[in-house]
C-alpha atoms as a PDB file:
ATOM      1  CA  MET A   1       0.000   0.000   0.000  1.00  0.00           C
ATOM      2  CA  LEU A   2       1.232   3.478  -0.938  1.00  0.00           C
ATOM      3  CA  VAL A   3       0.257   6.326   1.420  1.00  0.00           C
ATOM      4  CA  ASP A   4       0.859   9.928   0.333  1.00  0.00           C
ATOM      5  CA  ASP A   5      -1.298  13.040   0.009  1.00  0.00           C
ATOM      6  CA  GLU A   6       0.438  13.937  -3.276  1.00  0.00           C
ATOM      7  CA  LYS A   7      -1.172  12.178  -6.226  1.00  0.00           C
ATOM      8  CA  ARG A   8       1.945  12.700  -8.334  1.00  0.00           C
ATOM      9  CA  MET A   9       4.074  10.810  -5.835  1.00  0.00           C
ATOM     10  CA  LEU A  10       1.540   7.963  -5.573  1.00  0.00           C
ATOM     11  CA  ASP A  11       1.479   7.608  -9.346  1.00  0.00           C
ATOM     12  CA  LEU A  12       5.266   7.779  -9.622  1.00  0.00           C
ATOM     13  CA  VAL A  13       5.968   5.097  -7.015  1.00  0.00           C
ATOM     14  CA  ALA A  14       3.263   2.848  -8.492  1.00  0.00           C
ATOM     15  CA  LEU A  15       4.903   3.320 -11.896  1.00  0.00           C
ATOM     16  CA  TYR A  16       8.245   2.229 -10.385  1.00  0.00           C
ATOM     17  CA  LEU A  17       6.810  -0.887  -8.779  1.00  0.00           C
ATOM     18  CA  ARG A  18       4.330  -2.362 -11.228  1.00  0.00           C
ATOM     19  CA  PRO A  19       6.968  -3.702 -13.687  1.00  0.00           C
ATOM     20  CA  HIS A  20       8.412  -5.655 -10.739  1.00  0.00           C
ATOM     21  CA  ALA A  21       5.128  -7.522 -10.095  1.00  0.00           C
ATOM     22  CA  TYR A  22       3.949  -5.407  -7.166  1.00  0.00           C
ATOM     23  CA  ALA A  23       0.209  -4.774  -6.962  1.00  0.00           C
ATOM     24  CA  CYS A  24      -0.196  -1.263  -5.560  1.00  0.00           C
ATOM     25  CA  THR A  25      -3.141   0.127  -3.593  1.00  0.00           C
ATOM     26  CA  LYS A  26      -3.082   3.901  -3.123  1.00  0.00           C
ATOM     27  CA  ALA A  27      -4.237   5.852  -0.066  1.00  0.00           C
ATOM     28  CA  SER A  28      -4.224   9.659  -0.156  1.00  0.00           C
ATOM     29  CA  SER A  29      -4.635  10.163   3.600  1.00  0.00           C
ATOM     30  CA  GLY A  30      -3.786   8.503   6.878  1.00  0.00           C
ATOM     31  CA  LYS A  31      -7.433   7.776   7.626  1.00  0.00           C
ATOM     32  CA  GLN A  32      -7.925   6.064   4.283  1.00  0.00           C
ATOM     33  CA  ALA A  33      -4.803   3.972   4.888  1.00  0.00           C
ATOM     34  CA  LEU A  34      -6.036   2.809   8.295  1.00  0.00           C
ATOM     35  CA  ASP A  35      -9.474   1.975   6.870  1.00  0.00           C
ATOM     36  CA  LEU A  36      -7.881  -0.114   4.106  1.00  0.00           C
ATOM     37  CA  LEU A  37      -5.589  -1.943   6.533  1.00  0.00           C
ATOM     38  CA  ASP A  38      -8.596  -2.809   8.671  1.00  0.00           C
ATOM     39  CA  LYS A  39     -10.286  -4.485   5.700  1.00  0.00           C
ATOM     40  CA  GLU A  40      -7.457  -5.940   3.626  1.00  0.00           C
ATOM     41  CA  VAL A  41      -4.150  -7.713   4.109  1.00  0.00           C
ATOM     42  CA  PHE A  42      -1.061  -5.990   2.703  1.00  0.00           C
ATOM     43  CA  ASP A  43       2.525  -7.219   2.454  1.00  0.00           C
ATOM     44  CA  LEU A  44       4.149  -3.814   2.970  1.00  0.00           C
ATOM     45  CA  VAL A  45       3.303  -0.126   3.505  1.00  0.00           C
ATOM     46  CA  LEU A  46       5.200   2.809   1.973  1.00  0.00           C
ATOM     47  CA  LEU A  47       4.188   5.684   4.236  1.00  0.00           C
ATOM     48  CA  ASP A  48       4.800   9.401   3.685  1.00  0.00           C
ATOM     49  CA  ILE A  49       5.358  11.456   6.847  1.00  0.00           C
ATOM     50  CA  MET A  50       4.331  14.979   5.891  1.00  0.00           C
ATOM     51  CA  MET A  51       0.567  14.700   5.368  1.00  0.00           C
ATOM     52  CA  PRO A  52      -2.213  17.023   6.553  1.00  0.00           C
ATOM     53  CA  ASP A  53      -4.765  16.008   9.231  1.00  0.00           C
ATOM     54  CA  MET A  54      -2.868  12.855  10.247  1.00  0.00           C
ATOM     55  CA  ASP A  55       0.881  12.697   9.665  1.00  0.00           C
ATOM     56  CA  GLY A  56       2.837   9.537   8.963  1.00  0.00           C
ATOM     57  CA  TRP A  57       4.057   9.210  12.531  1.00  0.00           C
ATOM     58  CA  GLU A  58       0.492   9.084  13.844  1.00  0.00           C
ATOM     59  CA  VAL A  59      -0.503   6.647  11.105  1.00  0.00           C
ATOM     60  CA  CYS A  60       2.454   4.406  12.003  1.00  0.00           C
ATOM     61  CA  ARG A  61       1.542   4.555  15.690  1.00  0.00           C
ATOM     62  CA  ASN A  62      -2.044   3.509  14.905  1.00  0.00           C
ATOM     63  CA  ILE A  63      -1.005   0.715  12.543  1.00  0.00           C
ATOM     64  CA  ARG A  64       1.199  -0.810  15.220  1.00  0.00           C
ATOM     65  CA  LYS A  65      -1.810  -1.114  17.529  1.00  0.00           C
ATOM     66  CA  PHE A  66      -3.199  -3.917  15.373  1.00  0.00           C
ATOM     67  CA  SER A  67      -0.705  -4.953  12.681  1.00  0.00           C
ATOM     68  CA  ASN A  68       2.924  -5.962  12.202  1.00  0.00           C
ATOM     69  CA  VAL A  69       2.904  -5.181   8.482  1.00  0.00           C
ATOM     70  CA  PRO A  70       6.358  -3.919   7.377  1.00  0.00           C
ATOM     71  CA  ILE A  71       6.485  -0.108   7.079  1.00  0.00           C
ATOM     72  CA  ILE A  72       8.961   2.016   5.129  1.00  0.00           C
ATOM     73  CA  MET A  73       8.574   5.715   5.887  1.00  0.00           C
ATOM     74  CA  LEU A  74       9.160   8.136   2.982  1.00  0.00           C
ATOM     75  CA  THR A  75       9.867  11.813   3.609  1.00  0.00           C
ATOM     76  CA  ALA A  76      11.614  14.906   2.324  1.00  0.00           C
ATOM     77  CA  ARG A  77      12.994  15.385   5.827  1.00  0.00           C
ATOM     78  CA  GLU A  78      16.277  13.747   6.761  1.00  0.00           C
ATOM     79  CA  GLN A  79      17.046  15.007  10.254  1.00  0.00           C
ATOM     80  CA  GLN A  80      18.354  12.222  12.465  1.00  0.00           C
ATOM     81  CA  GLU A  81      15.682  12.864  15.104  1.00  0.00           C
ATOM     82  CA  ASP A  82      12.977  12.215  12.493  1.00  0.00           C
ATOM     83  CA  VAL A  83      14.559   8.882  11.617  1.00  0.00           C
ATOM     84  CA  VAL A  84      14.795   7.886  15.273  1.00  0.00           C
ATOM     85  CA  LYS A  85      11.196   8.941  15.942  1.00  0.00           C
ATOM     86  CA  GLY A  86       9.868   6.879  13.057  1.00  0.00           C
ATOM     87  CA  LEU A  87      11.797   3.781  14.056  1.00  0.00           C
ATOM     88  CA  ARG A  88      10.726   4.075  17.684  1.00  0.00           C
ATOM     89  CA  LEU A  89       7.089   4.288  16.610  1.00  0.00           C
ATOM     90  CA  GLY A  90       7.433   0.967  14.815  1.00  0.00           C
ATOM     91  CA  ALA A  91       8.642   1.764  11.299  1.00  0.00           C
ATOM     92  CA  ASP A  92      11.000  -0.831   9.824  1.00  0.00           C
ATOM     93  CA  ASP A  93      12.937   1.421   7.475  1.00  0.00           C
ATOM     94  CA  TYR A  94      13.232   5.041   6.361  1.00  0.00           C
ATOM     95  CA  MET A  95      13.969   6.664   2.984  1.00  0.00           C
ATOM     96  CA  THR A  96      14.453  10.313   2.097  1.00  0.00           C
ATOM     97  CA  LYS A  97      12.950  11.810  -1.062  1.00  0.00           C
ATOM     98  CA  PRO A  98      14.073  11.882  -3.767  1.00  0.00           C
ATOM     99  CA  PHE A  99      15.129   8.248  -3.774  1.00  0.00           C
ATOM    100  CA  GLY A 100      16.337   5.885  -6.484  1.00  0.00           C
ATOM    101  CA  GLU A 101      14.159   3.135  -7.866  1.00  0.00           C
ATOM    102  CA  GLU A 102      16.795   0.439  -7.327  1.00  0.00           C
ATOM    103  CA  GLU A 103      17.368   1.380  -3.677  1.00  0.00           C
ATOM    104  CA  LEU A 104      13.625   1.390  -2.972  1.00  0.00           C
ATOM    105  CA  LEU A 105      13.223  -2.046  -4.550  1.00  0.00           C
ATOM    106  CA  ALA A 106      16.204  -3.423  -2.623  1.00  0.00           C
ATOM    107  CA  ARG A 107      14.873  -2.165   0.709  1.00  0.00           C
ATOM    108  CA  MET A 108      11.404  -3.537  -0.018  1.00  0.00           C
ATOM    109  CA  GLU A 109      12.796  -6.946  -0.955  1.00  0.00           C
ATOM    110  CA  ALA A 110      14.907  -7.071   2.199  1.00  0.00           C
ATOM    111  CA  LEU A 111      11.886  -6.303   4.393  1.00  0.00           C
ATOM    112  CA  LEU A 112       9.691  -8.825   2.622  1.00  0.00           C
ATOM    113  CA  ARG A 113      12.306 -11.541   3.104  1.00  0.00           C
ATOM    114  CA  ARG A 114      12.342 -10.823   6.832  1.00  0.00           C
ATOM    115  CA  SER A 115       8.551 -10.860   7.053  1.00  0.00           C
ATOM    116  CA  ALA A 116       7.904 -14.025   5.036  1.00  0.00           C
ATOM    117  CA  PRO A 117       4.664 -15.826   5.948  1.00  0.00           C
ATOM    118  CA  VAL A 118       4.751 -17.683   9.242  1.00  0.00           C
ATOM    119  CA  LYS A 119       4.419 -21.417   8.653  1.00  0.00           C
ATOM    120  CA  ARG A 120       4.863 -22.648  12.217  1.00  0.00           C
ATOM    121  CA  LEU A 121       3.662 -21.212  15.532  1.00  0.00           C
ATOM    122  CA  GLU A 122       4.365 -22.442  19.045  1.00  0.00           C
ATOM    123  CA  PHE A 123       2.637 -21.184  22.155  1.00  0.00           C
ATOM    124  CA  GLY A 124       2.662 -22.814  25.580  1.00  0.00           C
ATOM    125  CA  GLY A 125       3.222 -26.282  24.145  1.00  0.00           C
ATOM    126  CA  LEU A 126       0.579 -25.797  21.441  1.00  0.00           C
ATOM    127  CA  THR A 127       2.082 -26.087  17.933  1.00  0.00           C
ATOM    128  CA  TRP A 128       0.382 -25.005  14.690  1.00  0.00           C
ATOM    129  CA  ASP A 129       2.292 -26.253  11.644  1.00  0.00           C
ATOM    130  CA  GLU A 130       1.034 -25.219   8.206  1.00  0.00           C
ATOM    131  CA  ASP A 131       3.439 -27.385   6.207  1.00  0.00           C
ATOM    132  CA  SER A 132       2.310 -30.603   7.917  1.00  0.00           C
ATOM    133  CA  PHE A 133      -1.237 -29.256   8.357  1.00  0.00           C
ATOM    134  CA  GLU A 134      -1.130 -30.343  11.971  1.00  0.00           C
ATOM    135  CA  LEU A 135      -2.062 -28.912  15.341  1.00  0.00           C
ATOM    136  CA  SER A 136      -0.543 -30.574  18.380  1.00  0.00           C
ATOM    137  CA  TYR A 137      -0.229 -30.063  22.104  1.00  0.00           C
ATOM    138  CA  GLN A 138       2.855 -31.436  23.832  1.00  0.00           C
ATOM    139  CA  GLN A 139       3.492 -33.454  20.649  1.00  0.00           C
ATOM    140  CA  GLU A 140       0.021 -35.071  20.714  1.00  0.00           C
ATOM    141  CA  SER A 141      -1.955 -34.414  17.525  1.00  0.00           C
ATOM    142  CA  ILE A 142      -5.298 -32.579  17.652  1.00  0.00           C
ATOM    143  CA  ARG A 143      -7.529 -33.280  14.664  1.00  0.00           C
ATOM    144  CA  LEU A 144      -9.145 -30.174  13.163  1.00  0.00           C
ATOM    145  CA  THR A 145     -11.101 -29.657   9.964  1.00  0.00           C
ATOM    146  CA  PRO A 146      -9.416 -27.473   7.285  1.00  0.00           C
ATOM    147  CA  LYS A 147     -11.604 -24.466   8.193  1.00  0.00           C
ATOM    148  CA  GLU A 148     -10.941 -24.921  11.919  1.00  0.00           C
ATOM    149  CA  PHE A 149      -7.206 -25.204  11.279  1.00  0.00           C
ATOM    150  CA  SER A 150      -7.168 -22.055   9.117  1.00  0.00           C
ATOM    151  CA  MET A 151      -9.201 -20.025  11.607  1.00  0.00           C
ATOM    152  CA  LEU A 152      -7.006 -20.940  14.556  1.00  0.00           C
ATOM    153  CA  GLY A 153      -3.869 -20.194  12.549  1.00  0.00           C
ATOM    154  CA  LEU A 154      -5.183 -16.782  11.500  1.00  0.00           C
ATOM    155  CA  LEU A 155      -5.921 -15.807  15.100  1.00  0.00           C
ATOM    156  CA  MET A 156      -2.607 -17.122  16.437  1.00  0.00           C
ATOM    157  CA  LYS A 157      -0.691 -15.217  13.733  1.00  0.00           C
ATOM    158  CA  ASN A 158      -2.404 -11.994  14.821  1.00  0.00           C
ATOM    159  CA  PRO A 159      -2.367 -12.075  18.642  1.00  0.00           C
ATOM    160  CA  ASN A 160      -4.657  -9.618  20.443  1.00  0.00           C
ATOM    161  CA  LYS A 161      -6.301  -8.491  17.177  1.00  0.00           C
ATOM    162  CA  VAL A 162     -10.091  -8.770  17.224  1.00  0.00           C
ATOM    163  CA  PHE A 163     -11.657 -10.343  14.126  1.00  0.00           C
ATOM    164  CA  GLU A 164     -15.330  -9.679  13.481  1.00  0.00           C
ATOM    165  CA  ARG A 165     -17.438 -12.648  12.406  1.00  0.00           C
ATOM    166  CA  ASP A 166     -17.992 -11.168   8.944  1.00  0.00           C
ATOM    167  CA  ARG A 167     -14.253 -10.642   8.553  1.00  0.00           C
ATOM    168  CA  LEU A 168     -13.570 -14.275   9.491  1.00  0.00           C
ATOM    169  CA  LEU A 169     -16.139 -15.376   6.932  1.00  0.00           C
ATOM    170  CA  GLU A 170     -14.354 -13.341   4.239  1.00  0.00           C
ATOM    171  CA  LEU A 171     -10.886 -14.590   5.143  1.00  0.00           C
ATOM    172  CA  ILE A 172     -11.677 -18.256   5.789  1.00  0.00           C
ATOM    173  CA  TRP A 173     -14.721 -18.977   3.615  1.00  0.00           C
ATOM    174  CA  GLY A 174     -14.255 -16.328   0.910  1.00  0.00           C
ATOM    175  CA  PHE A 175     -16.038 -13.165  -0.181  1.00  0.00           C
ATOM    176  CA  ASP A 176     -18.711 -15.000  -2.181  1.00  0.00           C
ATOM    177  CA  SER A 177     -19.600 -17.445   0.562  1.00  0.00           C
ATOM    178  CA  GLU A 178     -23.219 -17.623   1.686  1.00  0.00           C
ATOM    179  CA  THR A 179     -22.149 -18.954   5.065  1.00  0.00           C
ATOM    180  CA  GLU A 180     -23.569 -17.078   8.067  1.00  0.00           C
ATOM    181  CA  GLY A 181     -22.000 -15.881  11.286  1.00  0.00           C
ATOM    182  CA  ARG A 182     -23.494 -18.812  13.200  1.00  0.00           C
ATOM    183  CA  THR A 183     -21.152 -21.104  11.284  1.00  0.00           C
ATOM    184  CA  VAL A 184     -18.173 -19.164  12.669  1.00  0.00           C
ATOM    185  CA  ASP A 185     -19.522 -19.604  16.202  1.00  0.00           C
ATOM    186  CA  SER A 186     -19.968 -23.329  15.603  1.00  0.00           C
ATOM    187  CA  HIS A 187     -16.404 -23.716  14.379  1.00  0.00           C
ATOM    188  CA  VAL A 188     -15.108 -21.763  17.382  1.00  0.00           C
ATOM    189  CA  ARG A 189     -16.968 -24.095  19.756  1.00  0.00           C
ATOM    190  CA  ASN A 190     -15.511 -27.124  17.993  1.00  0.00           C
ATOM    191  CA  ILE A 191     -11.956 -25.762  18.100  1.00  0.00           C
ATOM    192  CA  ARG A 192     -12.222 -24.941  21.784  1.00  0.00           C
ATOM    193  CA  GLU A 193     -13.637 -28.339  22.663  1.00  0.00           C
ATOM    194  CA  LYS A 194     -10.977 -30.278  20.741  1.00  0.00           C
ATOM    195  CA  VAL A 195      -8.076 -28.230  22.089  1.00  0.00           C
ATOM    196  CA  ARG A 196      -9.513 -28.262  25.614  1.00  0.00           C
ATOM    197  CA  GLN A 197      -9.758 -32.055  25.555  1.00  0.00           C
ATOM    198  CA  ALA A 198      -6.096 -32.216  24.602  1.00  0.00           C
ATOM    199  CA  GLY A 199      -5.246 -30.419  27.835  1.00  0.00           C
ATOM    200  CA  PHE A 200      -4.336 -26.950  26.573  1.00  0.00           C
ATOM    201  CA  PRO A 201      -6.008 -24.048  28.496  1.00  0.00           C
ATOM    202  CA  VAL A 202      -7.662 -22.730  25.326  1.00  0.00           C
ATOM    203  CA  ASP A 203     -10.327 -20.733  27.187  1.00  0.00           C
ATOM    204  CA  ASP A 204      -7.594 -18.459  28.555  1.00  0.00           C
ATOM    205  CA  HIS A 205      -6.432 -17.533  25.063  1.00  0.00           C
ATOM    206  CA  PHE A 206      -9.156 -18.067  22.438  1.00  0.00           C
ATOM    207  CA  LEU A 207     -11.441 -15.294  23.648  1.00  0.00           C
ATOM    208  CA  THR A 208     -14.881 -14.031  22.658  1.00  0.00           C
ATOM    209  CA  VAL A 209     -15.206 -10.259  22.331  1.00  0.00           C
ATOM    210  CA  TRP A 210     -18.901  -9.936  22.989  1.00  0.00           C
ATOM    211  CA  GLY A 211     -20.885  -8.293  20.241  1.00  0.00           C
ATOM    212  CA  VAL A 212     -17.835  -8.138  17.971  1.00  0.00           C
ATOM    213  CA  GLY A 213     -16.021 -11.410  17.317  1.00  0.00           C
ATOM    214  CA  TYR A 214     -12.976 -13.347  18.488  1.00  0.00           C
ATOM    215  CA  LYS A 215      -9.289 -12.928  19.265  1.00  0.00           C
ATOM    216  CA  TRP A 216      -6.232 -14.910  20.414  1.00  0.00           C
ATOM    217  CA  ASP A 217      -4.866 -13.430  23.624  1.00  0.00           C
ATOM    218  CA  GLN A 218      -1.195 -13.906  24.491  1.00  0.00           C
END
């Protein structure tokens, strides 16, 4: 996602990136960027600092409340204190305008290598392994359906983030699914029961946020 209040800069960066197989979504304000991040999954954010209403620092601070998406901050300012401030707020890298296409691509590739998709998660003896499609507790296998396995993995990959039922339906069942929210609740009950029977204290971590949805609490 590209975030900048200058249309010319958005168009220029998108022009740089598209020949290198990057799909670019543009946001012309901090609020629009946060709204998009709440609804879609992005691999990386290129974030301008000097924007009206909500500057890049505030946007970065808000993103880090719910997402670990890699962030490169772009700015015409190059004072050391600005760099330090951005990094302390959770930015992963920092580039000063004007910048070269090759350097931008190299920095993006380096960040994406570091943030490659998580295939294996371990928490308190509970192991979720995407490659073997297996959930286990203290090395004892717990049999889940594909949808149950995907839902648990999504929540464990995003600790403390609340997912609404409709959002879970979109991510697990797909946008065109006619499945209803009750199906999500049913799958949650099944996951909890299976993991509970294995001995893991799932009720302390797989939490219901009443009136909203579910989250994995660490």
